[in-house]
PDB file of N, CA and C in Angstrom:
ATOM      1  N   MET A   1     195.444 156.795  17.480  1.00  0.00           N
ATOM      2  CA  MET A   1     194.358 157.252  18.320  1.00  0.00           C
ATOM      3  C   MET A   1     194.228 158.767  18.153  1.00  0.00           C
ATOM      4  N   SER A   2     193.005 159.219  17.980  1.00  0.00           N
ATOM      5  CA  SER A   2     192.768 160.647  17.825  1.00  0.00           C
ATOM      6  C   SER A   2     192.826 161.346  19.182  1.00  0.00           C
ATOM      7  N   LYS A   3     192.956 162.650  19.133  1.00  0.00           N
ATOM      8  CA  LYS A   3     192.972 163.449  20.364  1.00  0.00           C
ATOM      9  C   LYS A   3     191.663 163.245  21.130  1.00  0.00           C
ATOM     10  N   ARG A   4     190.576 163.173  20.393  1.00  0.00           N
ATOM     11  CA  ARG A   4     189.267 162.955  21.014  1.00  0.00           C
ATOM     12  C   ARG A   4     189.207 161.607  21.713  1.00  0.00           C
ATOM     13  N   ASP A   5     189.734 160.566  21.072  1.00  0.00           N
ATOM     14  CA  ASP A   5     189.763 159.234  21.686  1.00  0.00           C
ATOM     15  C   ASP A   5     190.603 159.243  22.961  1.00  0.00           C
ATOM     16  N   GLY A   6     191.735 159.927  22.902  1.00  0.00           N
ATOM     17  CA  GLY A   6     192.603 160.008  24.078  1.00  0.00           C
ATOM     18  C   GLY A   6     191.915 160.686  25.244  1.00  0.00           C
ATOM     19  N   LYS A   7     191.201 161.763  24.963  1.00  0.00           N
ATOM     20  CA  LYS A   7     190.468 162.470  26.025  1.00  0.00           C
ATOM     21  C   LYS A   7     189.368 161.587  26.603  1.00  0.00           C
ATOM     22  N   GLU A   8     188.701 160.843  25.736  1.00  0.00           N
ATOM     23  CA  GLU A   8     187.636 159.942  26.209  1.00  0.00           C
ATOM     24  C   GLU A   8     188.224 158.856  27.111  1.00  0.00           C
ATOM     25  N   ARG A   9     189.334 158.305  26.719  1.00  0.00           N
ATOM     26  CA  ARG A   9     189.970 157.275  27.548  1.00  0.00           C
ATOM     27  C   ARG A   9     190.397 157.839  28.899  1.00  0.00           C
ATOM     28  N   MET A  10     190.933 159.034  28.901  1.00  0.00           N
ATOM     29  CA  MET A  10     191.332 159.664  30.174  1.00  0.00           C
ATOM     30  C   MET A  10     190.099 159.905  31.050  1.00  0.00           C
ATOM     31  N   ARG A  11     188.981 160.302  30.451  1.00  0.00           N
ATOM     32  CA  ARG A  11     187.737 160.485  31.220  1.00  0.00           C
ATOM     33  C   ARG A  11     187.283 159.152  31.821  1.00  0.00           C
ATOM     34  N   GLU A  12     187.440 158.083  31.066  1.00  0.00           N
ATOM     35  CA  GLU A  12     187.036 156.768  31.571  1.00  0.00           C
ATOM     36  C   GLU A  12     187.921 156.317  32.727  1.00  0.00           C
ATOM     37  N   VAL A  13     189.219 156.562  32.615  1.00  0.00           N
ATOM     38  CA  VAL A  13     190.126 156.234  33.724  1.00  0.00           C
ATOM     39  C   VAL A  13     189.770 157.095  34.932  1.00  0.00           C
ATOM     40  N   ARG A  14     189.516 158.381  34.702  1.00  0.00           N
ATOM     41  CA  ARG A  14     189.136 159.280  35.798  1.00  0.00           C
ATOM     42  C   ARG A  14     187.893 158.759  36.508  1.00  0.00           C
ATOM     43  N   ALA A  15     186.902 158.285  35.750  1.00  0.00           N
ATOM     44  CA  ALA A  15     185.669 157.766  36.350  1.00  0.00           C
ATOM     45  C   ALA A  15     185.962 156.569  37.251  1.00  0.00           C
ATOM     46  N   LEU A  16     186.835 155.687  36.815  1.00  0.00           N
ATOM     47  CA  LEU A  16     187.198 154.530  37.643  1.00  0.00           C
ATOM     48  C   LEU A  16     187.921 154.971  38.915  1.00  0.00           C
ATOM     49  N   VAL A  17     188.811 155.925  38.784  1.00  0.00           N
ATOM     50  CA  VAL A  17     189.545 156.417  39.955  1.00  0.00           C
ATOM     51  C   VAL A  17     188.594 157.139  40.910  1.00  0.00           C
ATOM     52  N   MET A  18     187.633 157.881  40.368  1.00  0.00           N
ATOM     53  CA  MET A  18     186.657 158.555  41.232  1.00  0.00           C
ATOM     54  C   MET A  18     185.783 157.551  41.980  1.00  0.00           C
ATOM     55  N   GLU A  19     185.514 156.397  41.388  1.00  0.00           N
ATOM     56  CA  GLU A  19     184.778 155.345  42.104  1.00  0.00           C
ATOM     57  C   GLU A  19     185.607 154.819  43.274  1.00  0.00           C
ATOM     58  N   TRP A  20     186.912 154.719  43.090  1.00  0.00           N
ATOM     59  CA  TRP A  20     187.842 154.297  44.153  1.00  0.00           C
ATOM     60  C   TRP A  20     187.808 155.313  45.274  1.00  0.00           C
ATOM     61  N   ASP A  21     187.907 156.578  44.949  1.00  0.00           N
ATOM     62  CA  ASP A  21     187.709 157.720  45.848  1.00  0.00           C
ATOM     63  C   ASP A  21     188.314 157.559  47.240  1.00  0.00           C
ATOM     64  N   ALA A  22     189.596 157.378  47.284  1.00  0.00           N
ATOM     65  CA  ALA A  22     190.297 157.139  48.548  1.00  0.00           C
ATOM     66  C   ALA A  22     190.129 158.256  49.572  1.00  0.00           C
ATOM     67  N   ILE A  23     190.001 159.486  49.127  1.00  0.00           N
ATOM     68  CA  ILE A  23     189.899 160.591  50.090  1.00  0.00           C
ATOM     69  C   ILE A  23     188.470 161.107  50.263  1.00  0.00           C
ATOM     70  N   GLY A  24     187.506 160.479  49.608  1.00  0.00           N
ATOM     71  CA  GLY A  24     186.106 160.804  49.828  1.00  0.00           C
ATOM     72  C   GLY A  24     185.629 162.118  49.248  1.00  0.00           C
ATOM     73  N   VAL A  25     186.032 162.426  48.027  1.00  0.00           N
ATOM     74  CA  VAL A  25     185.641 163.703  47.422  1.00  0.00           C
ATOM     75  C   VAL A  25     184.733 163.548  46.198  1.00  0.00           C
ATOM     76  N   ALA A  26     184.338 162.350  45.872  1.00  0.00           N
ATOM     77  CA  ALA A  26     183.581 162.113  44.636  1.00  0.00           C
ATOM     78  C   ALA A  26     182.262 162.879  44.590  1.00  0.00           C
ATOM     79  N   ASP A  27     181.687 163.184  45.715  1.00  0.00           N
ATOM     80  CA  ASP A  27     180.403 163.888  45.749  1.00  0.00           C
ATOM     81  C   ASP A  27     180.547 165.402  45.664  1.00  0.00           C
ATOM     82  N   PHE A  28     181.758 165.893  45.533  1.00  0.00           N
ATOM     83  CA  PHE A  28     182.014 167.333  45.486  1.00  0.00           C
ATOM     84  C   PHE A  28     182.525 167.715  44.097  1.00  0.00           C
ATOM     85  N   PRO A  29     181.686 168.311  43.263  1.00  0.00           N
ATOM     86  CA  PRO A  29     182.094 168.639  41.890  1.00  0.00           C
ATOM     87  C   PRO A  29     183.363 169.489  41.822  1.00  0.00           C
ATOM     88  N   GLU A  30     183.578 170.353  42.784  1.00  0.00           N
ATOM     89  CA  GLU A  30     184.767 171.196  42.768  1.00  0.00           C
ATOM     90  C   GLU A  30     186.053 170.405  43.014  1.00  0.00           C
ATOM     91  N   ALA A  31     185.922 169.163  43.441  1.00  0.00           N
ATOM     92  CA  ALA A  31     187.094 168.320  43.685  1.00  0.00           C
ATOM     93  C   ALA A  31     187.264 167.264  42.599  1.00  0.00           C
ATOM     94  N   ALA A  32     186.609 167.437  41.467  1.00  0.00           N
ATOM     95  CA  ALA A  32     186.632 166.431  40.398  1.00  0.00           C
ATOM     96  C   ALA A  32     188.035 166.154  39.873  1.00  0.00           C
ATOM     97  N   ASP A  33     188.957 167.094  40.067  1.00  0.00           N
ATOM     98  CA  ASP A  33     190.322 166.913  39.554  1.00  0.00           C
ATOM     99  C   ASP A  33     191.301 166.411  40.615  1.00  0.00           C
ATOM    100  N   GLU A  34     190.800 166.041  41.759  1.00  0.00           N
ATOM    101  CA  GLU A  34     191.668 165.683  42.885  1.00  0.00           C
ATOM    102  C   GLU A  34     192.600 164.514  42.582  1.00  0.00           C
ATOM    103  N   TYR A  35     192.174 163.588  41.752  1.00  0.00           N
ATOM    104  CA  TYR A  35     192.990 162.411  41.445  1.00  0.00           C
ATOM    105  C   TYR A  35     193.664 162.497  40.083  1.00  0.00           C
ATOM    106  N   ASP A  36     193.597 163.638  39.434  1.00  0.00           N
ATOM    107  CA  ASP A  36     194.161 163.761  38.089  1.00  0.00           C
ATOM    108  C   ASP A  36     195.650 163.437  38.037  1.00  0.00           C
ATOM    109  N   CYS A  37     196.340 163.580  39.155  1.00  0.00           N
ATOM    110  CA  CYS A  37     197.767 163.245  39.198  1.00  0.00           C
ATOM    111  C   CYS A  37     198.003 161.752  38.958  1.00  0.00           C
ATOM    112  N   MET A  38     196.973 160.945  39.100  1.00  0.00           N
ATOM    113  CA  MET A  38     197.096 159.497  38.923  1.00  0.00           C
ATOM    114  C   MET A  38     196.725 159.029  37.520  1.00  0.00           C
ATOM    115  N   ILE A  39     195.924 159.806  36.822  1.00  0.00           N
ATOM    116  CA  ILE A  39     195.333 159.342  35.566  1.00  0.00           C
ATOM    117  C   ILE A  39     196.384 159.080  34.488  1.00  0.00           C
ATOM    118  N   GLY A  40     197.255 160.031  34.239  1.00  0.00           N
ATOM    119  CA  GLY A  40     198.291 159.851  33.223  1.00  0.00           C
ATOM    120  C   GLY A  40     199.206 158.679  33.524  1.00  0.00           C
ATOM    121  N   PRO A  41     199.741 158.612  34.755  1.00  0.00           N
ATOM    122  CA  PRO A  41     200.599 157.462  35.065  1.00  0.00           C
ATOM    123  C   PRO A  41     199.873 156.123  34.952  1.00  0.00           C
ATOM    124  N   LEU A  42     198.642 156.041  35.427  1.00  0.00           N
ATOM    125  CA  LEU A  42     197.910 154.782  35.320  1.00  0.00           C
ATOM    126  C   LEU A  42     197.704 154.389  33.859  1.00  0.00           C
ATOM    127  N   TYR A  43     197.318 155.356  33.051  1.00  0.00           N
ATOM    128  CA  TYR A  43     197.110 155.083  31.625  1.00  0.00           C
ATOM    129  C   TYR A  43     198.423 154.631  30.983  1.00  0.00           C
ATOM    130  N   GLY A  44     199.513 155.275  31.328  1.00  0.00           N
ATOM    131  CA  GLY A  44     200.816 154.889  30.802  1.00  0.00           C
ATOM    132  C   GLY A  44     201.206 153.480  31.206  1.00  0.00           C
ATOM    133  N   HIS A  45     200.956 153.140  32.471  1.00  0.00           N
ATOM    134  CA  HIS A  45     201.257 151.773  32.932  1.00  0.00           C
ATOM    135  C   HIS A  45     200.434 150.749  32.150  1.00  0.00           C
ATOM    136  N   LEU A  46     199.174 151.054  31.922  1.00  0.00           N
ATOM    137  CA  LEU A  46     198.328 150.140  31.148  1.00  0.00           C
ATOM    138  C   LEU A  46     198.847 149.995  29.722  1.00  0.00           C
ATOM    139  N   GLN A  47     199.245 151.098  29.110  1.00  0.00           N
ATOM    140  CA  GLN A  47     199.782 151.032  27.743  1.00  0.00           C
ATOM    141  C   GLN A  47     201.031 150.157  27.676  1.00  0.00           C
ATOM    142  N   ARG A  48     201.809 150.161  28.743  1.00  0.00           N
ATOM    143  CA  ARG A  48     203.044 149.370  28.766  1.00  0.00           C
ATOM    144  C   ARG A  48     202.814 147.936  29.247  1.00  0.00           C
ATOM    145  N   GLY A  49     201.549 147.549  29.440  1.00  0.00           N
ATOM    146  CA  GLY A  49     201.242 146.156  29.760  1.00  0.00           C
ATOM    147  C   GLY A  49     201.227 145.807  31.235  1.00  0.00           C
ATOM    148  N   ALA A  50     201.083 146.789  32.102  1.00  0.00           N
ATOM    149  CA  ALA A  50     201.056 146.510  33.542  1.00  0.00           C
ATOM    150  C   ALA A  50     199.888 145.588  33.878  1.00  0.00           C
ATOM    151  N   ASP A  51     200.144 144.688  34.798  1.00  0.00           N
ATOM    152  CA  ASP A  51     199.077 143.802  35.256  1.00  0.00           C
ATOM    153  C   ASP A  51     198.468 144.360  36.546  1.00  0.00           C
ATOM    154  N   ALA A  52     197.431 143.691  37.033  1.00  0.00           N
ATOM    155  CA  ALA A  52     196.715 144.174  38.213  1.00  0.00           C
ATOM    156  C   ALA A  52     197.616 144.219  39.446  1.00  0.00           C
ATOM    157  N   ARG A  53     198.520 143.292  39.565  1.00  0.00           N
ATOM    158  CA  ARG A  53     199.415 143.286  40.729  1.00  0.00           C
ATOM    159  C   ARG A  53     200.301 144.534  40.730  1.00  0.00           C
ATOM    160  N   PHE A  54     200.904 144.851  39.588  1.00  0.00           N
ATOM    161  CA  PHE A  54     201.738 146.049  39.484  1.00  0.00           C
ATOM    162  C   PHE A  54     200.911 147.287  39.791  1.00  0.00           C
ATOM    163  N   LEU A  55     199.725 147.380  39.168  1.00  0.00           N
ATOM    164  CA  LEU A  55     198.880 148.547  39.383  1.00  0.00           C
ATOM    165  C   LEU A  55     198.465 148.681  40.844  1.00  0.00           C
ATOM    166  N   CYS A  56     198.111 147.572  41.469  1.00  0.00           N
ATOM    167  CA  CYS A  56     197.725 147.602  42.879  1.00  0.00           C
ATOM    168  C   CYS A  56     198.863 148.141  43.741  1.00  0.00           C
ATOM    169  N   ASP A  57     200.072 147.682  43.498  1.00  0.00           N
ATOM    170  CA  ASP A  57     201.229 148.174  44.250  1.00  0.00           C
ATOM    171  C   ASP A  57     201.431 149.663  44.028  1.00  0.00           C
ATOM    172  N   TRP A  58     201.286 150.110  42.778  1.00  0.00           N
ATOM    173  CA  TRP A  58     201.471 151.522  42.459  1.00  0.00           C
ATOM    174  C   TRP A  58     200.397 152.371  43.136  1.00  0.00           C
ATOM    175  N   ILE A  59     199.143 151.925  43.047  1.00  0.00           N
ATOM    176  CA  ILE A  59     198.029 152.643  43.660  1.00  0.00           C
ATOM    177  C   ILE A  59     198.202 152.706  45.176  1.00  0.00           C
ATOM    178  N   ALA A  60     198.614 151.590  45.773  1.00  0.00           N
ATOM    179  CA  ALA A  60     198.814 151.559  47.227  1.00  0.00           C
ATOM    180  C   ALA A  60     199.899 152.554  47.653  1.00  0.00           C
ATOM    181  N   ARG A  61     200.962 152.652  46.862  1.00  0.00           N
ATOM    182  CA  ARG A  61     202.018 153.641  47.185  1.00  0.00           C
ATOM    183  C   ARG A  61     201.479 155.063  47.075  1.00  0.00           C
ATOM    184  N   GLU A  62     200.678 155.325  46.054  1.00  0.00           N
ATOM    185  CA  GLU A  62     200.080 156.657  45.908  1.00  0.00           C
ATOM    186  C   GLU A  62     199.182 156.978  47.099  1.00  0.00           C
ATOM    187  N   ARG A  63     198.374 156.000  47.496  1.00  0.00           N
ATOM    188  CA  ARG A  63     197.467 156.186  48.626  1.00  0.00           C
ATOM    189  C   ARG A  63     198.237 156.627  49.869  1.00  0.00           C
ATOM    190  N   VAL A  64     199.329 155.953  50.134  1.00  0.00           N
ATOM    191  CA  VAL A  64     200.090 156.223  51.359  1.00  0.00           C
ATOM    192  C   VAL A  64     201.033 157.407  51.188  1.00  0.00           C
ATOM    193  N   ASP A  65     201.855 157.375  50.149  1.00  0.00           N
ATOM    194  CA  ASP A  65     202.900 158.392  49.987  1.00  0.00           C
ATOM    195  C   ASP A  65     202.381 159.739  49.510  1.00  0.00           C
ATOM    196  N   HIS A  66     201.455 159.731  48.566  1.00  0.00           N
ATOM    197  CA  HIS A  66     200.965 160.989  48.003  1.00  0.00           C
ATOM    198  C   HIS A  66     199.799 161.573  48.797  1.00  0.00           C
ATOM    199  N   PHE A  67     198.835 160.714  49.125  1.00  0.00           N
ATOM    200  CA  PHE A  67     197.639 161.198  49.800  1.00  0.00           C
ATOM    201  C   PHE A  67     197.732 161.110  51.323  1.00  0.00           C
ATOM    202  N   GLY A  68     198.735 160.411  51.841  1.00  0.00           N
ATOM    203  CA  GLY A  68     198.929 160.331  53.284  1.00  0.00           C
ATOM    204  C   GLY A  68     197.872 159.516  54.009  1.00  0.00           C
ATOM    205  N   LEU A  69     197.339 158.526  53.329  1.00  0.00           N
ATOM    206  CA  LEU A  69     196.281 157.702  53.899  1.00  0.00           C
ATOM    207  C   LEU A  69     196.827 156.372  54.389  1.00  0.00           C
ATOM    208  N   SER A  70     196.019 155.686  55.159  1.00  0.00           N
ATOM    209  CA  SER A  70     196.360 154.337  55.609  1.00  0.00           C
ATOM    210  C   SER A  70     196.142 153.359  54.461  1.00  0.00           C
ATOM    211  N   PRO A  71     196.855 152.247  54.479  1.00  0.00           N
ATOM    212  CA  PRO A  71     196.676 151.239  53.424  1.00  0.00           C
ATOM    213  C   PRO A  71     195.254 150.696  53.389  1.00  0.00           C
ATOM    214  N   ASP A  72     194.801 150.348  52.195  1.00  0.00           N
ATOM    215  CA  ASP A  72     193.520 149.678  51.979  1.00  0.00           C
ATOM    216  C   ASP A  72     193.692 148.825  50.724  1.00  0.00           C
ATOM    217  N   LEU A  73     194.366 147.696  50.902  1.00  0.00           N
ATOM    218  CA  LEU A  73     194.705 146.867  49.749  1.00  0.00           C
ATOM    219  C   LEU A  73     193.479 146.322  49.025  1.00  0.00           C
ATOM    220  N   GLY A  74     192.384 146.113  49.740  1.00  0.00           N
ATOM    221  CA  GLY A  74     191.168 145.641  49.089  1.00  0.00           C
ATOM    222  C   GLY A  74     190.642 146.649  48.081  1.00  0.00           C
ATOM    223  N   ALA A  75     190.558 147.902  48.505  1.00  0.00           N
ATOM    224  CA  ALA A  75     190.083 148.956  47.604  1.00  0.00           C
ATOM    225  C   ALA A  75     191.072 149.186  46.467  1.00  0.00           C
ATOM    226  N   ASP A  76     192.355 149.149  46.775  1.00  0.00           N
ATOM    227  CA  ASP A  76     193.370 149.377  45.747  1.00  0.00           C
ATOM    228  C   ASP A  76     193.378 148.243  44.733  1.00  0.00           C
ATOM    229  N   ARG A  77     193.184 147.036  45.200  1.00  0.00           N
ATOM    230  CA  ARG A  77     193.130 145.884  44.294  1.00  0.00           C
ATOM    231  C   ARG A  77     191.880 145.961  43.417  1.00  0.00           C
ATOM    232  N   ALA A  78     190.767 146.410  43.991  1.00  0.00           N
ATOM    233  CA  ALA A  78     189.540 146.549  43.210  1.00  0.00           C
ATOM    234  C   ALA A  78     189.733 147.560  42.075  1.00  0.00           C
ATOM    235  N   LEU A  79     190.401 148.680  42.367  1.00  0.00           N
ATOM    236  CA  LEU A  79     190.676 149.657  41.317  1.00  0.00           C
ATOM    237  C   LEU A  79     191.598 149.071  40.261  1.00  0.00           C
ATOM    238  N   ALA A  80     192.644 148.388  40.691  1.00  0.00           N
ATOM    239  CA  ALA A  80     193.581 147.776  39.741  1.00  0.00           C
ATOM    240  C   ALA A  80     192.862 146.777  38.841  1.00  0.00           C
ATOM    241  N   ASP A  81     192.014 145.950  39.430  1.00  0.00           N
ATOM    242  CA  ASP A  81     191.260 144.968  38.646  1.00  0.00           C
ATOM    243  C   ASP A  81     190.314 145.662  37.662  1.00  0.00           C
ATOM    244  N   ALA A  82     189.654 146.728  38.122  1.00  0.00           N
ATOM    245  CA  ALA A  82     188.736 147.477  37.248  1.00  0.00           C
ATOM    246  C   ALA A  82     189.484 148.112  36.081  1.00  0.00           C
ATOM    247  N   LEU A  83     190.665 148.646  36.358  1.00  0.00           N
ATOM    248  CA  LEU A  83     191.466 149.257  35.296  1.00  0.00           C
ATOM    249  C   LEU A  83     191.900 148.225  34.260  1.00  0.00           C
ATOM    250  N   VAL A  84     192.346 147.076  34.720  1.00  0.00           N
ATOM    251  CA  VAL A  84     192.776 146.024  33.788  1.00  0.00           C
ATOM    252  C   VAL A  84     191.585 145.525  32.975  1.00  0.00           C
ATOM    253  N   ALA A  85     190.438 145.346  33.621  1.00  0.00           N
ATOM    254  CA  ALA A  85     189.241 144.904  32.893  1.00  0.00           C
ATOM    255  C   ALA A  85     188.835 145.948  31.857  1.00  0.00           C
ATOM    256  N   TRP A  86     188.876 147.216  32.236  1.00  0.00           N
ATOM    257  CA  TRP A  86     188.543 148.291  31.301  1.00  0.00           C
ATOM    258  C   TRP A  86     189.525 148.285  30.130  1.00  0.00           C
ATOM    259  N   TRP A  87     190.813 148.184  30.414  1.00  0.00           N
ATOM    260  CA  TRP A  87     191.832 148.193  29.371  1.00  0.00           C
ATOM    261  C   TRP A  87     191.653 147.005  28.419  1.00  0.00           C
ATOM    262  N   THR A  88     191.376 145.849  28.978  1.00  0.00           N
ATOM    263  CA  THR A  88     191.189 144.658  28.168  1.00  0.00           C
ATOM    264  C   THR A  88     189.961 144.807  27.258  1.00  0.00           C
ATOM    265  N   ALA A  89     188.877 145.318  27.815  1.00  0.00           N
ATOM    266  CA  ALA A  89     187.669 145.533  27.021  1.00  0.00           C
ATOM    267  C   ALA A  89     187.916 146.586  25.937  1.00  0.00           C
ATOM    268  N   ARG A  90     188.618 147.651  26.281  1.00  0.00           N
ATOM    269  CA  ARG A  90     188.937 148.719  25.318  1.00  0.00           C
ATOM    270  C   ARG A  90     189.807 148.176  24.198  1.00  0.00           C
ATOM    271  N   SER A  91     190.778 147.380  24.571  1.00  0.00           N
ATOM    272  CA  SER A  91     191.729 146.851  23.587  1.00  0.00           C
ATOM    273  C   SER A  91     191.060 145.876  22.618  1.00  0.00           C
ATOM    274  N   SER A  92     190.063 145.156  23.098  1.00  0.00           N
ATOM    275  CA  SER A  92     189.392 144.179  22.234  1.00  0.00           C
ATOM    276  C   SER A  92     188.472 144.858  21.221  1.00  0.00           C
ATOM    277  N   ARG A  93     188.162 146.147  21.429  1.00  0.00           N
ATOM    278  CA  ARG A  93     187.289 146.886  20.505  1.00  0.00           C
ATOM    279  C   ARG A  93     188.032 147.442  19.315  1.00  0.00           C
ATOM    280  N   ARG A  94     189.345 147.389  19.323  1.00  0.00           N
ATOM    281  CA  ARG A  94     190.147 147.972  18.232  1.00  0.00           C
ATOM    282  C   ARG A  94     189.976 147.239  16.945  1.00  0.00           C
TER     283      ARG A  94
END
């Protein structure tokens, strides 16, 4: 994978995480990097074959432990499912 491809994939993961937008900052351009702490780990988990259940658990822990928010398993599961669907679609294009 080229450096350009890697950056594009990270942008795509960022877009999915911004749609999840647990802290409500997606409409503020100055906060576009607020979830960047999640992008690398999520991408790494996907590369290692994580399924939606694992990702949902990881996202839920981040929501509570890192961001200090209340649980929202529905939203976290939706993000996990979107990430797996994106990864599967990306992988089939190779």
